[in-house]
Amino acid sequence: MDLDLNKTQLQEQSSISAATMAKLGKGENVTNEMLARICETLERHCRHLLSCA
């Protein structure tokens, strides 16, 4: 499934900082709150894609 969402869009739509995205890219620790925001954003995109199918 292609979400058609780049890192910058994910960052903006999840309301997380560039520093948090950098940490994720380096495999460093981030808070559960930040992970939850990312999951919510991805879930919205998946629901949208499935409703369009």
C-alpha atoms as a PDB file:
ATOM      1  CA  MET A   1       0.000   0.000   0.000  1.00  0.00           C
ATOM      2  CA  ASP A   2       1.470   3.336  -1.040  1.00  0.00           C
ATOM      3  CA  LEU A   3       0.490   6.140   1.312  1.00  0.00           C
ATOM      4  CA  ASP A   4       1.947   8.797  -1.002  1.00  0.00           C
ATOM      5  CA  LEU A   5       3.295  10.602   2.054  1.00  0.00           C
ATOM      6  CA  ASN A   6       6.868  11.811   2.318  1.00  0.00           C
ATOM      7  CA  LYS A   7       8.792  12.431   5.548  1.00  0.00           C
ATOM      8  CA  THR A   8       8.141  16.166   5.551  1.00  0.00           C
ATOM      9  CA  GLN A   9       4.403  15.660   5.094  1.00  0.00           C
ATOM     10  CA  LEU A  10       4.370  13.022   7.830  1.00  0.00           C
ATOM     11  CA  GLN A  11       6.243  15.390  10.140  1.00  0.00           C
ATOM     12  CA  GLU A  12       3.866  18.278   9.472  1.00  0.00           C
ATOM     13  CA  GLN A  13       0.662  16.255   9.662  1.00  0.00           C
ATOM     14  CA  SER A  14       1.807  14.503  12.839  1.00  0.00           C
ATOM     15  CA  SER A  15       2.857  17.790  14.468  1.00  0.00           C
ATOM     16  CA  ILE A  16       6.313  16.504  15.345  1.00  0.00           C
ATOM     17  CA  SER A  17       9.590  18.366  15.103  1.00  0.00           C
ATOM     18  CA  ALA A  18      12.388  17.943  12.611  1.00  0.00           C
ATOM     19  CA  ALA A  19      14.558  16.818  15.519  1.00  0.00           C
ATOM     20  CA  THR A  20      12.145  13.973  16.259  1.00  0.00           C
ATOM     21  CA  MET A  21      12.182  12.903  12.607  1.00  0.00           C
ATOM     22  CA  ALA A  22      15.984  12.982  12.691  1.00  0.00           C
ATOM     23  CA  LYS A  23      16.013  10.795  15.799  1.00  0.00           C
ATOM     24  CA  LEU A  24      13.731   8.289  14.096  1.00  0.00           C
ATOM     25  CA  GLY A  25      16.010   8.259  11.065  1.00  0.00           C
ATOM     26  CA  LYS A  26      19.010   7.529  13.285  1.00  0.00           C
ATOM     27  CA  GLY A  27      17.196   4.831  15.256  1.00  0.00           C
ATOM     28  CA  GLU A  28      17.296   6.899  18.441  1.00  0.00           C
ATOM     29  CA  ASN A  29      14.643   6.956  21.147  1.00  0.00           C
ATOM     30  CA  VAL A  30      11.548   9.132  20.829  1.00  0.00           C
ATOM     31  CA  THR A  31       8.627   9.468  23.203  1.00  0.00           C
ATOM     32  CA  ASN A  32       5.552   7.295  23.022  1.00  0.00           C
ATOM     33  CA  GLU A  33       3.509  10.445  22.425  1.00  0.00           C
ATOM     34  CA  MET A  34       5.428  11.153  19.217  1.00  0.00           C
ATOM     35  CA  LEU A  35       4.985   7.566  18.043  1.00  0.00           C
ATOM     36  CA  ALA A  36       1.258   7.784  18.788  1.00  0.00           C
ATOM     37  CA  ARG A  37       0.972  10.959  16.692  1.00  0.00           C
ATOM     38  CA  ILE A  38       2.693   9.251  13.767  1.00  0.00           C
ATOM     39  CA  CYS A  39       0.460   6.177  14.084  1.00  0.00           C
ATOM     40  CA  GLU A  40      -2.678   8.347  14.109  1.00  0.00           C
ATOM     41  CA  THR A  41      -1.527  10.153  10.969  1.00  0.00           C
ATOM     42  CA  LEU A  42      -0.742   6.911   9.160  1.00  0.00           C
ATOM     43  CA  GLU A  43      -4.061   5.395  10.230  1.00  0.00           C
ATOM     44  CA  ARG A  44      -5.971   8.381   8.789  1.00  0.00           C
ATOM     45  CA  HIS A  45      -4.136   7.982   5.483  1.00  0.00           C
ATOM     46  CA  CYS A  46      -4.829   4.243   5.368  1.00  0.00           C
ATOM     47  CA  ARG A  47      -8.545   4.783   6.036  1.00  0.00           C
ATOM     48  CA  HIS A  48      -8.662   7.398   3.282  1.00  0.00           C
ATOM     49  CA  LEU A  49      -6.954   5.082   0.808  1.00  0.00           C
ATOM     50  CA  LEU A  50      -9.273   2.209   1.638  1.00  0.00           C
ATOM     51  CA  SER A  51     -12.371   4.376   1.288  1.00  0.00           C
ATOM     52  CA  CYS A  52     -11.221   5.431  -2.187  1.00  0.00           C
ATOM     53  CA  ALA A  53     -10.617   1.858  -3.337  1.00  0.00           C
END
